[in-house]
């Protein structure tokens, strides 16, 4: 039994390094807006689509940061998706300040068999005639040169779909602990250096804050009209691009786009509760597998430090985690010592994943943007795209 435990511990440690070493070698080669020449320009036109529901606290800043970009061929379509707060009036106010740039659409109803955000984006995209389209959220703050440099980078990479990873604003230590742990999970969820490889179908990245796509590519895959009931629409868009044989790429750019994801650890758990069961395709067995993996690879190694038979294996595993934090620290600005809280963050994630599943099973569906979606419909849709 002791020998079996030692072997399993070594397998876990070696598995960690099999992911971390390629990440260390290849991730620094990914495009970074900080390395893009500051004078870079693109002659392409772009439409930025901003759906928002009850984003009164942030939508004004988001729209102003887009309207004042230093890329001339730019227009913004802001969609007020059935908001019950001041989002719509703030959109109108900012649009009046920049009438040549911003157009506002107000939606009061949601058709059946649509999720709200997807419907808003699909509706706006139907009228777009520019070279590129950017889908973003109503709580993102853009640096003045973000769009210009992102377009230049995407065209330099010769890709159809470009995702810029946002810089997370961290207001509390609890947020830093959980978001820092996402860095660990990310190297297992997707190999960033493989995103551009059209044959690596499972290595995809979609970020609601910055999904940039050529209009021709968007039309080729059917756009959001082809995924009306999608909840994780950013990832689905990225997956569809890859399956169509088009080229994607992911890039960095510290502080070029900033977002505060949720307020405190409790707020992050709330967001995960909405999303995680959808990420597991509404399948109980996948949720249980995720929880088992998190326990074995992210929790038990720390306890292994206190067991003589697994101490060295645990040290090797912990060093891999430290290397991961160091790799992404420049972008995330999350201190490396937060790795010490990784097992606690893993437990929080396990709780959030199970909570997401149990809430959906108990309610037989999920509520998103004020609308209830039956679990049977969501599962049927998930099976159709596997």
Protein backbone atom coordinates (compact mmCIF):
# COMPACT_ATOMS: atom_id res chain seq x y z
CA UNK A 1 0.00 0.00 0.00
CA UNK A 2 2.82 2.38 0.92
CA UNK A 3 4.59 1.72 -2.38
CA UNK A 4 1.38 2.36 -4.32
CA UNK A 5 0.89 5.70 -2.55
CA UNK A 6 4.48 6.71 -3.33
CA UNK A 7 4.07 5.80 -7.00
CA UNK A 8 0.80 7.73 -7.30
CA UNK A 9 2.40 10.75 -5.62
CA UNK A 10 5.30 10.65 -8.11
CA UNK A 11 2.89 10.33 -11.03
CA UNK A 12 1.04 13.43 -9.84
CA UNK A 13 4.30 15.36 -9.47
CA UNK A 14 5.55 14.33 -12.91
CA UNK A 15 2.18 15.14 -14.46
CA UNK A 16 2.44 18.64 -13.03
CA UNK A 17 5.83 19.21 -14.60
CA UNK A 18 4.70 17.73 -17.92
CA UNK A 19 2.33 20.72 -18.11
CA UNK A 20 4.46 23.37 -16.45
CA UNK A 21 7.67 22.90 -18.48
CA UNK A 22 6.03 23.46 -21.89
CA UNK A 23 4.18 26.45 -20.41
CA UNK A 24 7.48 27.95 -19.24
CA UNK A 25 9.07 27.34 -22.66
CA UNK A 26 6.28 28.50 -24.95
CA UNK A 27 3.97 30.93 -23.09
CA UNK A 28 6.50 33.82 -23.20
CA UNK A 29 6.43 33.54 -27.02
CA UNK A 30 2.74 34.45 -27.18
CA UNK A 31 1.88 37.94 -28.48
CA UNK A 32 1.96 40.68 -25.89
CA UNK A 33 0.62 44.17 -26.53
CA UNK A 34 3.38 45.51 -24.29
CA UNK A 35 5.85 44.25 -26.92
CA UNK A 36 3.85 45.49 -29.92
CA UNK A 37 5.44 48.68 -31.30
CA UNK A 38 3.55 51.63 -29.87
CA UNK A 39 3.19 53.24 -33.30
CA UNK A 40 1.52 50.14 -34.83
CA UNK A 41 -1.66 50.87 -36.76
CA UNK A 42 -4.29 48.93 -38.68
CA UNK A 43 -6.31 50.18 -41.65
CA UNK A 44 -9.17 47.86 -40.73
CA UNK A 45 -12.54 48.99 -39.44
CA UNK A 46 -14.09 47.53 -36.29
CA UNK A 47 -17.46 47.42 -34.56
CA UNK A 48 -17.48 46.86 -30.81
CA UNK A 49 -20.62 45.19 -29.45
CA UNK A 50 -21.37 45.78 -25.77
CA UNK A 51 -24.38 43.94 -24.29
CA UNK A 52 -25.28 44.96 -20.75
CA UNK A 53 -28.00 44.19 -18.24
CA UNK A 54 -28.07 46.09 -14.95
CA UNK A 55 -24.51 47.40 -15.34
CA UNK A 56 -25.23 50.97 -14.24
CA UNK A 57 -22.17 51.05 -11.99
CA UNK A 58 -19.69 50.39 -14.81
CA UNK A 59 -21.27 50.89 -18.23
CA UNK A 60 -20.51 54.61 -18.44
CA UNK A 61 -16.80 54.12 -17.89
CA UNK A 62 -16.74 51.19 -20.34
CA UNK A 63 -18.39 53.14 -23.16
CA UNK A 64 -16.29 56.25 -22.61
CA UNK A 65 -13.09 54.19 -22.65
CA UNK A 66 -14.18 52.73 -26.00
CA UNK A 67 -15.35 56.01 -27.51
CA UNK A 68 -11.97 57.64 -26.81
CA UNK A 69 -9.83 54.93 -28.42
CA UNK A 70 -7.08 56.16 -30.72
CA UNK A 71 -8.24 53.95 -33.60
CA UNK A 72 -10.24 56.06 -36.05
CA UNK A 73 -12.27 53.41 -37.90
CA UNK A 74 -14.32 52.40 -34.90
CA UNK A 75 -17.99 52.30 -33.95
CA UNK A 76 -19.71 50.99 -30.83
CA UNK A 77 -23.10 49.31 -30.51
CA UNK A 78 -24.31 49.28 -26.90
CA UNK A 79 -27.28 47.03 -26.16
CA UNK A 80 -29.46 47.61 -23.12
CA UNK A 81 -30.71 44.08 -22.49
CA UNK A 82 -33.91 44.51 -20.44
CA UNK A 83 -32.16 46.39 -17.63
CA UNK A 84 -34.16 47.34 -14.55
CA UNK A 85 -31.66 49.94 -13.34
CA UNK A 86 -30.19 53.07 -14.94
CA UNK A 87 -28.08 51.20 -17.53
CA UNK A 88 -30.22 52.35 -20.46
CA UNK A 89 -30.26 56.01 -19.50
CA UNK A 90 -26.50 56.02 -18.91
CA UNK A 91 -26.00 54.50 -22.36
CA UNK A 92 -28.13 57.25 -23.87
CA UNK A 93 -26.18 59.91 -22.00
CA UNK A 94 -22.78 58.64 -23.17
CA UNK A 95 -24.06 58.16 -26.73
CA UNK A 96 -25.15 61.83 -26.72
CA UNK A 97 -21.56 62.76 -25.83
CA UNK A 98 -20.15 60.68 -28.72
CA UNK A 99 -22.94 60.53 -31.34
CA UNK A 100 -20.57 59.75 -34.21
CA UNK A 101 -19.23 56.66 -32.44
CA UNK A 102 -21.90 55.10 -30.21
CA UNK A 103 -25.26 53.64 -31.18
CA UNK A 104 -27.65 52.36 -28.50
CA UNK A 105 -30.22 49.59 -28.84
CA UNK A 106 -32.85 49.03 -26.15
CA UNK A 107 -34.35 45.56 -25.80
CA UNK A 108 -37.49 45.01 -23.75
CA UNK A 109 -38.29 41.39 -24.62
CA UNK A 110 -36.40 38.11 -24.98
CA UNK A 111 -37.56 35.60 -27.60
CA UNK A 112 -38.04 32.01 -26.45
CA UNK A 113 -35.13 29.59 -26.87
CA UNK A 114 -32.56 32.36 -26.51
CA UNK A 115 -30.29 33.39 -23.68
CA UNK A 116 -30.33 37.13 -23.15
CA UNK A 117 -26.71 38.03 -23.78
CA UNK A 118 -26.45 35.85 -26.88
CA UNK A 119 -29.65 37.33 -28.30
CA UNK A 120 -28.38 40.87 -27.73
CA UNK A 121 -25.06 40.18 -29.43
CA UNK A 122 -26.61 38.29 -32.34
CA UNK A 123 -29.09 41.09 -32.95
CA UNK A 124 -26.40 43.76 -33.01
CA UNK A 125 -24.04 41.69 -35.16
CA UNK A 126 -26.59 41.31 -37.97
CA UNK A 127 -26.09 44.93 -39.01
CA UNK A 128 -22.29 44.98 -38.85
CA UNK A 129 -20.35 45.66 -42.05
CA UNK A 130 -16.87 46.41 -40.68
CA UNK A 131 -13.78 44.24 -41.14
CA UNK A 132 -13.65 43.13 -37.51
CA UNK A 133 -16.07 42.71 -34.61
CA UNK A 134 -15.24 42.81 -30.93
CA UNK A 135 -17.60 41.36 -28.35
CA UNK A 136 -17.01 42.67 -24.85
CA UNK A 137 -18.83 43.17 -21.56
CA UNK A 138 -20.35 46.21 -19.92
CA UNK A 139 -17.86 46.32 -17.04
CA UNK A 140 -14.51 46.40 -18.88
CA UNK A 141 -12.17 49.39 -18.88
CA UNK A 142 -10.01 49.83 -22.01
CA UNK A 143 -6.70 51.67 -22.25
CA UNK A 144 -6.72 54.29 -25.07
CA UNK A 145 -4.54 52.23 -27.43
CA UNK A 146 -6.00 48.79 -26.63
CA UNK A 147 -8.10 48.40 -29.79
CA UNK A 148 -5.46 49.78 -32.16
CA UNK A 149 -2.68 47.53 -30.84
CA UNK A 150 -4.94 44.48 -30.56
CA UNK A 151 -6.00 44.84 -34.20
CA UNK A 152 -2.39 45.28 -35.30
CA UNK A 153 -1.37 42.23 -33.29
CA UNK A 154 -4.20 40.04 -34.60
CA UNK A 155 -3.44 40.99 -38.19
CA UNK A 156 0.26 40.47 -37.62
CA UNK A 157 -0.49 36.98 -36.34
CA UNK A 158 -2.73 36.39 -39.37
CA UNK A 159 -5.59 34.99 -37.31
CA UNK A 160 -9.37 35.11 -37.57
CA UNK A 161 -10.09 35.19 -33.84
CA UNK A 162 -8.02 36.93 -31.18
CA UNK A 163 -8.52 36.87 -27.42
CA UNK A 164 -6.77 39.39 -25.20
CA UNK A 165 -6.51 38.19 -21.61
CA UNK A 166 -7.76 40.86 -19.21
CA UNK A 167 -5.95 42.17 -16.16
CA UNK A 168 -8.07 41.40 -13.12
CA UNK A 169 -8.60 44.15 -10.58
CA UNK A 170 -8.24 42.54 -7.17
CA UNK A 171 -9.82 44.38 -4.26
CA UNK A 172 -9.58 41.79 -1.48
CA UNK A 173 -7.20 39.04 -0.42
CA UNK A 174 -9.96 36.48 -0.93
CA UNK A 175 -10.28 37.52 -4.58
CA UNK A 176 -6.53 37.18 -5.03
CA UNK A 177 -6.48 33.69 -3.52
CA UNK A 178 -9.19 32.33 -5.81
CA UNK A 179 -8.12 34.17 -8.97
CA UNK A 180 -4.53 33.17 -8.35
CA UNK A 181 -5.63 29.55 -8.23
CA UNK A 182 -7.20 30.00 -11.67
CA UNK A 183 -3.63 30.35 -12.97
CA UNK A 184 -2.94 26.81 -11.80
CA UNK A 185 -6.12 25.43 -13.30
CA UNK A 186 -5.52 27.24 -16.59
CA UNK A 187 -2.41 25.27 -17.54
CA UNK A 188 -4.46 22.09 -17.24
CA UNK A 189 -7.60 23.41 -18.91
CA UNK A 190 -5.87 24.74 -22.03
CA UNK A 191 -2.36 24.89 -23.45
CA UNK A 192 -2.17 28.55 -24.40
CA UNK A 193 0.71 27.95 -26.79
CA UNK A 194 -1.50 25.51 -28.72
CA UNK A 195 -4.43 27.87 -29.25
CA UNK A 196 -3.11 28.91 -32.68
CA UNK A 197 -2.69 25.28 -33.76
CA UNK A 198 -5.77 24.49 -35.89
CA UNK A 199 -5.32 20.78 -35.12
CA UNK A 200 -5.44 21.26 -31.31
CA UNK A 201 -9.24 21.32 -31.20
CA UNK A 202 -9.50 21.22 -27.40
CA UNK A 203 -7.07 24.06 -26.79
CA UNK A 204 -9.42 27.03 -27.02
CA UNK A 205 -9.75 30.33 -25.21
CA UNK A 206 -12.78 32.57 -25.17
CA UNK A 207 -13.07 35.57 -22.86
CA UNK A 208 -16.25 37.60 -22.56
CA UNK A 209 -14.19 40.74 -22.02
CA UNK A 210 -12.37 40.52 -25.36
CA UNK A 211 -13.49 38.24 -28.20
CA UNK A 212 -12.18 39.80 -31.43
CA UNK A 213 -13.21 38.10 -34.68
CA UNK A 214 -13.10 38.90 -38.37
CA UNK A 215 -16.59 39.58 -39.68
CA UNK A 216 -16.10 37.08 -42.53
CA UNK A 217 -15.13 34.39 -40.00
CA UNK A 218 -18.09 35.24 -37.80
CA UNK A 219 -20.46 34.89 -40.75
CA UNK A 220 -18.81 31.64 -41.86
CA UNK A 221 -19.50 29.92 -38.52
CA UNK A 222 -23.06 31.27 -38.29
CA UNK A 223 -22.25 33.66 -35.46
CA UNK A 224 -24.31 33.77 -32.30
CA UNK A 225 -27.44 33.00 -34.32
CA UNK A 226 -26.13 29.41 -34.44
CA UNK A 227 -25.89 29.14 -30.63
CA UNK A 228 -29.05 30.78 -29.23
CA UNK A 229 -29.22 28.83 -25.95
CA UNK A 230 -25.55 29.08 -25.02
CA UNK A 231 -24.53 30.19 -21.53
CA UNK A 232 -20.73 30.08 -21.93
CA UNK A 233 -20.97 31.84 -25.26
CA UNK A 234 -17.37 33.10 -25.26
CA UNK A 235 -15.94 29.58 -25.09
CA UNK A 236 -18.49 28.27 -27.59
CA UNK A 237 -17.49 30.96 -30.09
CA UNK A 238 -13.84 29.99 -29.72
CA UNK A 239 -14.67 26.29 -30.07
CA UNK A 240 -16.73 26.89 -33.20
CA UNK A 241 -13.90 28.90 -34.78
CA UNK A 242 -11.49 26.03 -34.16
CA UNK A 243 -13.88 23.38 -35.48
CA UNK A 244 -14.33 25.39 -38.66
CA UNK A 245 -10.58 25.23 -39.31
CA UNK A 246 -10.08 28.95 -38.69
CA UNK A 247 -7.13 30.37 -36.78
CA UNK A 248 -7.33 31.62 -33.20
CA UNK A 249 -4.71 33.22 -31.00
CA UNK A 250 -4.49 34.42 -27.43
CA UNK A 251 -2.39 37.31 -26.22
CA UNK A 252 -1.38 39.22 -23.15
CA UNK A 253 -1.45 42.93 -22.46
CA UNK A 254 -1.23 43.94 -18.84
CA UNK A 255 -3.53 46.87 -18.04
CA UNK A 256 -4.77 47.26 -21.63
CA UNK A 257 -8.13 45.90 -20.54
CA UNK A 258 -9.12 45.74 -16.91
CA UNK A 259 -12.05 44.09 -15.18
CA UNK A 260 -13.19 43.50 -11.63
CA UNK A 261 -14.75 40.07 -11.90
CA UNK A 262 -16.72 39.93 -8.66
CA UNK A 263 -16.77 41.48 -5.20
CA UNK A 264 -14.90 39.32 -2.71
CA UNK A 265 -14.54 35.55 -2.53
CA UNK A 266 -18.27 35.17 -2.00
CA UNK A 267 -18.96 37.10 -5.20
CA UNK A 268 -16.59 34.86 -7.18
CA UNK A 269 -18.32 31.76 -5.80
CA UNK A 270 -21.61 33.26 -6.96
CA UNK A 271 -20.29 33.69 -10.52
CA UNK A 272 -18.89 30.16 -10.51
CA UNK A 273 -22.22 28.83 -9.28
CA UNK A 274 -23.83 30.20 -12.43
CA UNK A 275 -21.15 28.96 -14.83
CA UNK A 276 -19.47 25.78 -13.62
CA UNK A 277 -22.23 23.24 -14.28
CA UNK A 278 -22.56 24.68 -17.78
CA UNK A 279 -18.80 24.29 -18.20
CA UNK A 280 -19.24 20.60 -17.33
CA UNK A 281 -21.94 20.34 -20.05
CA UNK A 282 -24.53 19.80 -17.29
CA UNK A 283 -23.13 16.30 -16.69
CA UNK A 284 -22.93 15.03 -13.11
CA UNK A 285 -20.09 12.60 -13.90
CA UNK A 286 -17.91 15.42 -15.22
CA UNK A 287 -18.55 17.50 -12.10
CA UNK A 288 -17.49 14.59 -9.90
CA UNK A 289 -14.39 14.02 -12.04
CA UNK A 290 -13.42 17.70 -11.70
CA UNK A 291 -13.80 17.53 -7.92
CA UNK A 292 -11.73 14.33 -7.74
CA UNK A 293 -8.98 15.89 -9.86
CA UNK A 294 -8.87 19.06 -7.76
CA UNK A 295 -8.60 16.98 -4.60
CA UNK A 296 -5.87 14.67 -5.91
CA UNK A 297 -3.75 17.24 -7.75
CA UNK A 298 -4.24 20.43 -5.73
CA UNK A 299 -5.18 19.50 -2.15
CA UNK A 300 -3.55 16.19 -1.22
CA UNK A 301 0.00 17.22 -2.30
CA UNK A 302 0.05 19.83 0.46
CA UNK A 303 -0.88 17.21 3.05
CA UNK A 304 1.79 15.01 1.50
CA UNK A 305 4.40 17.43 2.84
CA UNK A 306 3.69 16.05 6.32
CA UNK A 307 3.93 12.39 5.33
CA UNK A 308 7.42 10.92 5.14
CA UNK A 309 6.63 8.61 2.22
CA UNK A 310 5.35 11.40 -0.02
CA UNK A 311 7.35 14.41 1.18
CA UNK A 312 9.68 14.69 -1.82
CA UNK A 313 6.88 14.15 -4.29
CA UNK A 314 4.88 16.89 -2.59
CA UNK A 315 7.86 19.28 -2.75
CA UNK A 316 8.25 18.62 -6.48
CA UNK A 317 4.52 19.27 -7.00
CA UNK A 318 4.60 22.45 -4.94
CA UNK A 319 7.56 23.74 -6.96
CA UNK A 320 5.52 23.22 -10.14
CA UNK A 321 2.71 25.30 -8.65
CA UNK A 322 5.16 28.03 -7.64
CA UNK A 323 6.58 28.04 -11.18
CA UNK A 324 3.06 28.50 -12.55
CA UNK A 325 2.41 31.51 -10.30
CA UNK A 326 5.75 33.02 -11.30
CA UNK A 327 4.99 32.47 -14.99
CA UNK A 328 1.76 34.49 -14.88
CA UNK A 329 2.65 36.95 -12.10
CA UNK A 330 3.62 39.70 -14.57
CA UNK A 331 0.17 39.64 -16.14
CA UNK A 332 -1.94 38.96 -13.05
CA UNK A 333 0.12 40.85 -10.44
CA UNK A 334 -0.91 38.17 -7.94
CA UNK A 335 1.91 37.61 -5.41
CA UNK A 336 3.65 34.25 -5.69
CA UNK A 337 3.20 33.54 -1.99
CA UNK A 338 -0.55 33.13 -2.65
CA UNK A 339 0.38 29.64 -3.80
CA UNK A 340 0.36 28.69 -0.12
CA UNK A 341 -3.41 29.20 -0.17
CA UNK A 342 -3.87 26.98 -3.25
CA UNK A 343 -5.35 24.00 -1.34
CA UNK A 344 -7.89 26.31 0.31
CA UNK A 345 -8.73 27.85 -3.08
CA UNK A 346 -9.13 24.34 -4.51
CA UNK A 347 -11.62 23.50 -1.76
CA UNK A 348 -13.50 26.73 -2.54
CA UNK A 349 -13.65 25.73 -6.20
CA UNK A 350 -14.87 22.23 -5.33
CA UNK A 351 -17.58 23.82 -3.22
CA UNK A 352 -18.54 26.17 -6.07
CA UNK A 353 -18.66 23.35 -8.64
CA UNK A 354 -20.84 21.16 -6.42
CA UNK A 355 -23.02 24.13 -5.51
CA UNK A 356 -23.49 24.94 -9.19
CA UNK A 357 -24.58 21.38 -9.91
CA UNK A 358 -26.87 21.04 -6.89
CA UNK A 359 -28.60 24.38 -7.51
CA UNK A 360 -29.31 23.45 -11.12
CA UNK A 361 -30.52 19.96 -10.23
CA UNK A 362 -32.74 21.22 -7.43
CA UNK A 363 -34.28 23.98 -9.57
CA UNK A 364 -34.21 21.79 -12.71
CA UNK A 365 -32.60 24.67 -14.53
CA UNK A 366 -30.61 27.85 -14.16
CA UNK A 367 -31.55 31.51 -13.91
CA UNK A 368 -29.37 33.80 -15.98
CA UNK A 369 -29.88 37.52 -16.52
CA UNK A 370 -33.32 37.29 -14.95
CA UNK A 371 -34.58 34.44 -17.16
CA UNK A 372 -35.06 30.79 -16.15
CA UNK A 373 -33.79 28.10 -18.53
CA UNK A 374 -34.97 24.47 -18.02
CA UNK A 375 -32.17 21.98 -17.44
CA UNK A 376 -33.61 19.58 -20.03
CA UNK A 377 -33.29 22.23 -22.76
CA UNK A 378 -29.75 23.13 -21.73
CA UNK A 379 -28.64 19.48 -21.63
CA UNK A 380 -30.17 18.79 -25.02
CA UNK A 381 -28.30 21.75 -26.44
CA UNK A 382 -25.03 20.68 -24.78
CA UNK A 383 -25.31 17.16 -26.22
CA UNK A 384 -25.85 18.57 -29.69
CA UNK A 385 -22.45 20.31 -29.70
CA UNK A 386 -20.23 17.70 -28.00
